[in-house]
Amino acid sequence: MTFLDDFKPTHLRLTAESPALWRVTFDNPPVNVIGPTMIGDLKTLLTELESNDTVNVVVFDSADPDFFLAHWDLAADPAQAEALPSPTGYAAWADVTVRISKLAAVTISAIRGIARGAGSELALATDIRFASLEKAILGQMEVGFAAVAGGGAGGRLPALVGRGRAFEILLGGNDYDGALAEKYGYVNRAIPDEQFEAFVTAYATRVSGWNHQALAEIKSFVNKYTRLPDAEFPLHSDAFWAAAAHRPEFRTTASRLFDKGLQQRGPLEYHLGDDIAPIAR
């Protein structure tokens, strides 16, 4: 039996489009939140990829055209995710994002729909981000919870968008559509939605055909000059969970948001970047 035969994830699907190109499709209705089960699925997948010298490219996409990854599952018990194995020794989400960013395989986020909070952070941890021009929405709304982004957005955004725009994104908590995200460098490119799937597949297929060692070496040099040391990222996670545990504003805002439909398929999740400000205050 191979890993592909044995791997039975619950909140994502793994498709081997070729031995060198794998596709990971998030599928956790109603809005693709990131919870302990998805974290477990990702950790198992990462353990395989870290020792796999055949897979050259991994594309992350979504089964839901409206939600790439909505955000962290705020209804879940965080202790369940923290109880999972952590090869880095870091908290659950920091473990996942740091390990994604260090894979030898090239990682591509194909963002069609909303990627906020931890969903945006997963995209930022990947090497390349392609967005649907009409359907992609990215944002870091944690400031509305009186918290920092816990998955390292504050450490990854400045290298992509610059210091001033990183402040704008993190301090404003607003949503960024595909066109503005491309202009800022939040994503590599925004592609018209009718061309989106074909473009991503063509690019991923092209890159997957190169030599595995060459790809890994290119990544290692770019990472050397653009990535923070791994030990910086647990600091973000610690600050987020400290706010969640001890800051009354966090709990009050979360309660108000759940009352208005958080994590349900409705107006709040579609417009959370705009709507969190009046609700939080």
Protein backbone atom coordinates (compact mmCIF):
# COMPACT_ATOMS: atom_id res chain seq x y z
CA MET A 1 0.00 0.00 0.00
CA THR A 2 1.20 3.53 -0.80
CA PHE A 3 0.54 6.76 1.06
CA LEU A 4 -2.06 7.67 -1.56
CA ASP A 5 -3.90 4.43 -0.80
CA ASP A 6 -3.65 4.77 2.97
CA PHE A 7 -4.39 8.48 3.40
CA LYS A 8 -8.08 8.98 4.22
CA PRO A 9 -8.50 12.66 5.14
CA THR A 10 -11.80 14.05 6.38
CA HIS A 11 -11.67 17.76 5.57
CA LEU A 12 -9.60 17.74 2.40
CA ARG A 13 -9.04 15.60 -0.69
CA LEU A 14 -5.70 14.59 -2.15
CA THR A 15 -5.41 13.97 -5.88
CA ALA A 16 -2.22 12.81 -7.61
CA GLU A 17 -2.52 14.42 -11.03
CA SER A 18 0.87 12.86 -11.77
CA PRO A 19 3.64 11.41 -9.60
CA ALA A 20 5.19 14.90 -9.52
CA LEU A 21 2.02 17.00 -9.10
CA TRP A 22 -0.39 16.64 -6.18
CA ARG A 23 -3.52 18.67 -5.57
CA VAL A 24 -4.94 19.28 -2.07
CA THR A 25 -8.57 20.38 -2.13
CA PHE A 26 -10.07 21.78 1.07
CA ASP A 27 -13.60 20.51 1.69
CA ASN A 28 -15.12 21.35 5.08
CA PRO A 29 -18.65 22.75 4.66
CA PRO A 30 -20.31 25.08 5.24
CA VAL A 31 -17.46 27.62 4.81
CA ASN A 32 -14.14 25.73 5.02
CA VAL A 33 -13.00 26.68 8.52
CA ILE A 34 -9.68 25.33 9.78
CA GLY A 35 -10.20 23.11 12.81
CA PRO A 36 -8.48 20.21 14.59
CA THR A 37 -9.54 17.60 12.04
CA MET A 38 -8.19 19.60 9.10
CA ILE A 39 -5.02 20.33 11.08
CA GLY A 40 -4.59 16.60 11.62
CA ASP A 41 -5.10 15.92 7.91
CA LEU A 42 -2.50 18.54 7.01
CA LYS A 43 0.06 17.27 9.52
CA THR A 44 -0.22 13.73 8.13
CA LEU A 45 0.19 15.04 4.58
CA LEU A 46 3.18 17.19 5.52
CA THR A 47 4.93 14.25 7.16
CA GLU A 48 4.71 12.39 3.85
CA LEU A 49 5.80 15.34 1.74
CA GLU A 50 8.82 16.07 3.93
CA SER A 51 10.33 12.72 2.97
CA ASN A 52 8.98 12.49 -0.57
CA ASP A 53 11.50 13.18 -3.35
CA THR A 54 9.06 12.59 -6.22
CA VAL A 55 6.41 15.27 -5.67
CA ASN A 56 7.63 18.54 -7.18
CA VAL A 57 4.50 20.69 -6.87
CA VAL A 58 1.56 20.78 -4.47
CA VAL A 59 -1.47 22.91 -5.40
CA PHE A 60 -3.85 23.91 -2.61
CA ASP A 61 -7.37 24.75 -3.76
CA SER A 62 -10.96 24.49 -2.54
CA ALA A 63 -14.05 22.47 -3.38
CA ASP A 64 -16.10 25.58 -2.52
CA PRO A 65 -15.83 28.38 -5.10
CA ASP A 66 -16.86 30.97 -2.48
CA PHE A 67 -14.52 29.97 0.36
CA PHE A 68 -10.88 28.97 -0.04
CA LEU A 69 -10.42 28.82 3.76
CA ALA A 70 -12.69 31.10 5.78
CA HIS A 71 -10.58 31.32 8.96
CA TRP A 72 -9.75 29.36 12.13
CA ASP A 73 -12.61 27.37 13.66
CA LEU A 74 -13.46 29.52 16.67
CA ALA A 75 -16.05 27.03 17.88
CA ALA A 76 -13.50 24.22 18.25
CA ASP A 77 -11.57 23.38 21.39
CA PRO A 78 -7.99 24.50 20.63
CA ALA A 79 -6.65 21.81 22.95
CA GLN A 80 -7.66 19.19 20.38
CA ALA A 81 -5.36 20.69 17.77
CA GLU A 82 -2.57 21.23 20.28
CA ALA A 83 -2.72 17.57 21.28
CA LEU A 84 -1.70 16.49 17.78
CA PRO A 85 1.95 15.61 17.08
CA SER A 86 4.19 18.61 16.41
CA PRO A 87 7.56 17.75 14.85
CA THR A 88 8.70 21.37 15.24
CA GLY A 89 7.54 21.56 18.85
CA TYR A 90 5.51 24.64 17.97
CA ALA A 91 1.80 25.26 18.54
CA ALA A 92 -0.49 23.50 16.06
CA TRP A 93 -0.97 26.20 13.44
CA ALA A 94 2.61 27.48 13.61
CA ASP A 95 3.79 23.89 13.13
CA VAL A 96 1.69 23.55 9.98
CA THR A 97 2.60 26.89 8.38
CA VAL A 98 6.33 26.64 9.14
CA ARG A 99 6.48 23.12 7.72
CA ILE A 100 4.57 24.14 4.56
CA SER A 101 7.01 26.98 3.97
CA LYS A 102 10.01 24.63 4.19
CA LEU A 103 8.90 21.79 1.90
CA ALA A 104 11.21 20.89 -0.97
CA ALA A 105 8.14 20.73 -3.21
CA VAL A 106 6.86 23.98 -4.67
CA THR A 107 3.58 24.98 -3.01
CA ILE A 108 0.90 26.98 -4.84
CA SER A 109 -2.29 28.42 -3.38
CA ALA A 110 -5.06 28.63 -5.99
CA ILE A 111 -7.33 31.13 -4.27
CA ARG A 112 -10.86 31.17 -5.58
CA GLY A 113 -13.11 32.56 -2.87
CA ILE A 114 -12.43 33.93 0.61
CA ALA A 115 -9.11 33.42 2.44
CA ARG A 116 -9.21 35.29 5.73
CA GLY A 117 -7.28 34.97 8.97
CA ALA A 118 -5.67 31.53 9.14
CA GLY A 119 -6.86 30.92 5.57
CA SER A 120 -4.81 33.90 4.40
CA GLU A 121 -1.91 32.67 6.55
CA LEU A 122 -1.87 29.28 4.86
CA ALA A 123 -1.72 31.04 1.49
CA LEU A 124 1.11 33.27 2.76
CA ALA A 125 3.05 30.19 3.90
CA THR A 126 2.97 28.73 0.39
CA ASP A 127 5.54 29.73 -2.21
CA ILE A 128 3.16 31.14 -4.82
CA ARG A 129 -0.36 32.58 -4.64
CA PHE A 130 -2.61 32.79 -7.69
CA ALA A 131 -6.02 34.41 -7.25
CA SER A 132 -9.27 34.49 -9.17
CA LEU A 133 -9.68 38.10 -10.25
CA GLU A 134 -13.42 38.12 -9.63
CA LYS A 135 -13.80 35.66 -6.74
CA ALA A 136 -10.71 35.92 -4.50
CA ILE A 137 -10.91 37.83 -1.22
CA LEU A 138 -7.99 37.94 1.23
CA GLY A 139 -7.68 39.57 4.62
CA GLN A 140 -6.39 39.43 8.16
CA MET A 141 -9.21 40.53 10.46
CA GLU A 142 -7.68 39.50 13.81
CA VAL A 143 -7.33 43.12 14.94
CA GLY A 144 -11.13 43.10 15.22
CA PHE A 145 -10.74 40.46 17.94
CA ALA A 146 -8.17 42.64 19.73
CA ALA A 147 -5.50 40.13 18.71
CA VAL A 148 -2.54 39.67 16.39
CA ALA A 149 -2.61 37.24 13.48
CA GLY A 150 -1.45 34.00 15.08
CA GLY A 151 -0.13 32.15 12.05
CA GLY A 152 2.71 34.45 11.10
CA ALA A 153 1.08 36.96 8.74
CA GLY A 154 3.00 39.76 10.44
CA GLY A 155 6.24 37.96 9.63
CA ARG A 156 5.45 37.02 6.03
CA LEU A 157 3.50 40.00 4.66
CA PRO A 158 6.29 42.62 4.91
CA ALA A 159 8.54 40.67 2.51
CA LEU A 160 5.68 40.49 0.01
CA VAL A 161 3.92 43.84 0.23
CA GLY A 162 6.35 46.10 2.12
CA ARG A 163 6.22 47.51 5.63
CA GLY A 164 3.58 50.17 5.05
CA ARG A 165 1.13 47.91 3.25
CA ALA A 166 1.67 45.16 5.83
CA PHE A 167 0.57 47.66 8.48
CA GLU A 168 -2.39 48.67 6.32
CA ILE A 169 -3.57 45.06 5.96
CA LEU A 170 -3.02 44.03 9.57
CA LEU A 171 -4.21 47.21 11.28
CA GLY A 172 -7.24 47.81 9.07
CA GLY A 173 -8.59 44.27 9.08
CA ASN A 174 -10.22 44.90 5.71
CA ASP A 175 -10.83 42.57 2.79
CA TYR A 176 -8.67 42.78 -0.36
CA ASP A 177 -10.10 41.65 -3.68
CA GLY A 178 -8.05 39.91 -6.33
CA ALA A 179 -7.12 43.07 -8.22
CA LEU A 180 -5.88 44.99 -5.18
CA ALA A 181 -4.18 41.91 -3.72
CA GLU A 182 -2.22 41.57 -6.97
CA LYS A 183 -1.34 45.28 -6.99
CA TYR A 184 -0.01 45.05 -3.43
CA GLY A 185 1.91 41.80 -3.95
CA TYR A 186 -0.33 39.90 -1.53
CA VAL A 187 -0.77 37.45 -4.43
CA ASN A 188 1.49 36.83 -7.42
CA ARG A 189 -1.20 37.27 -10.03
CA ALA A 190 -4.97 37.68 -10.34
CA ILE A 191 -6.38 35.75 -13.30
CA PRO A 192 -9.88 36.15 -14.80
CA ASP A 193 -11.99 33.42 -13.26
CA GLU A 194 -12.87 31.78 -16.58
CA GLN A 195 -9.15 31.24 -17.20
CA PHE A 196 -8.16 30.56 -13.60
CA GLU A 197 -8.17 26.76 -13.39
CA ALA A 198 -6.47 26.31 -16.76
CA PHE A 199 -3.77 28.82 -15.88
CA VAL A 200 -2.97 27.29 -12.49
CA THR A 201 -2.93 23.77 -13.89
CA ALA A 202 -0.67 24.75 -16.80
CA TYR A 203 1.80 26.54 -14.53
CA ALA A 204 1.84 23.76 -11.93
CA THR A 205 2.29 21.11 -14.62
CA ARG A 206 5.19 23.03 -16.18
CA VAL A 207 7.03 23.43 -12.86
CA SER A 208 6.36 19.83 -11.82
CA GLY A 209 8.39 18.66 -14.82
CA TRP A 210 11.67 20.19 -13.64
CA ASN A 211 14.40 18.41 -11.70
CA HIS A 212 13.42 17.89 -8.02
CA GLN A 213 16.83 18.84 -6.63
CA ALA A 214 17.00 21.99 -8.75
CA LEU A 215 13.61 23.11 -7.46
CA ALA A 216 14.63 22.43 -3.86
CA GLU A 217 17.87 24.37 -4.28
CA ILE A 218 16.11 27.36 -5.83
CA LYS A 219 13.67 27.36 -2.93
CA SER A 220 16.43 27.10 -0.34
CA PHE A 221 18.21 30.19 -1.67
CA VAL A 222 15.06 32.30 -1.97
CA ASN A 223 13.98 31.21 1.52
CA LYS A 224 17.41 32.05 2.92
CA TYR A 225 17.04 35.67 1.88
CA THR A 226 13.32 36.19 2.49
CA ARG A 227 12.13 33.97 5.39
CA LEU A 228 12.33 34.76 9.06
CA PRO A 229 13.95 32.14 11.32
CA ASP A 230 11.48 29.44 12.29
CA ALA A 231 11.62 30.40 15.96
CA GLU A 232 10.00 33.76 15.21
CA PHE A 233 6.66 32.24 14.26
CA PRO A 234 5.66 30.66 17.60
CA LEU A 235 5.76 34.19 19.06
CA HIS A 236 2.80 35.14 16.84
CA SER A 237 0.85 32.05 17.90
CA ASP A 238 1.57 32.66 21.58
CA ALA A 239 0.33 36.25 21.30
CA PHE A 240 -2.88 35.21 19.53
CA TRP A 241 -3.79 32.55 22.07
CA ALA A 242 -2.90 34.85 24.96
CA ALA A 243 -5.44 37.32 23.59
CA ALA A 244 -8.02 34.57 23.11
CA ALA A 245 -7.57 33.39 26.68
CA HIS A 246 -7.18 36.64 28.57
CA ARG A 247 -8.52 39.60 26.58
CA PRO A 248 -12.24 40.20 27.23
CA GLU A 249 -12.66 41.93 23.86
CA PHE A 250 -11.75 38.72 22.07
CA ARG A 251 -14.45 36.68 23.76
CA THR A 252 -17.04 39.46 23.44
CA THR A 253 -16.40 39.92 19.73
CA ALA A 254 -16.47 36.19 19.05
CA SER A 255 -19.78 35.85 20.89
CA ARG A 256 -21.34 38.72 18.96
CA LEU A 257 -20.13 37.28 15.66
CA PHE A 258 -21.54 33.84 16.39
CA ASP A 259 -24.87 35.46 17.23
CA LYS A 260 -24.84 37.07 13.78
CA GLY A 261 -23.92 33.91 11.86
CA LEU A 262 -20.16 33.35 12.11
CA GLN A 263 -19.08 30.08 10.46
CA GLN A 264 -22.43 29.78 8.70
CA ARG A 265 -23.01 30.34 5.02
CA GLY A 266 -24.55 33.79 5.15
CA PRO A 267 -23.92 37.53 4.81
CA LEU A 268 -21.52 37.82 7.75
CA GLU A 269 -18.97 35.35 6.38
CA TYR A 270 -19.12 36.94 2.95
CA HIS A 271 -18.52 40.45 4.35
CA LEU A 272 -16.62 39.80 7.57
CA GLY A 273 -13.80 42.18 6.72
CA ASP A 274 -16.25 45.08 6.53
CA ASP A 275 -18.71 43.95 9.19
CA ILE A 276 -16.33 43.06 12.01
CA ALA A 277 -15.57 46.70 12.88
CA PRO A 278 -19.08 47.81 13.91
CA ILE A 279 -19.73 44.46 15.63
CA ALA A 280 -16.45 44.55 17.58
CA ARG A 281 -17.15 48.06 18.83
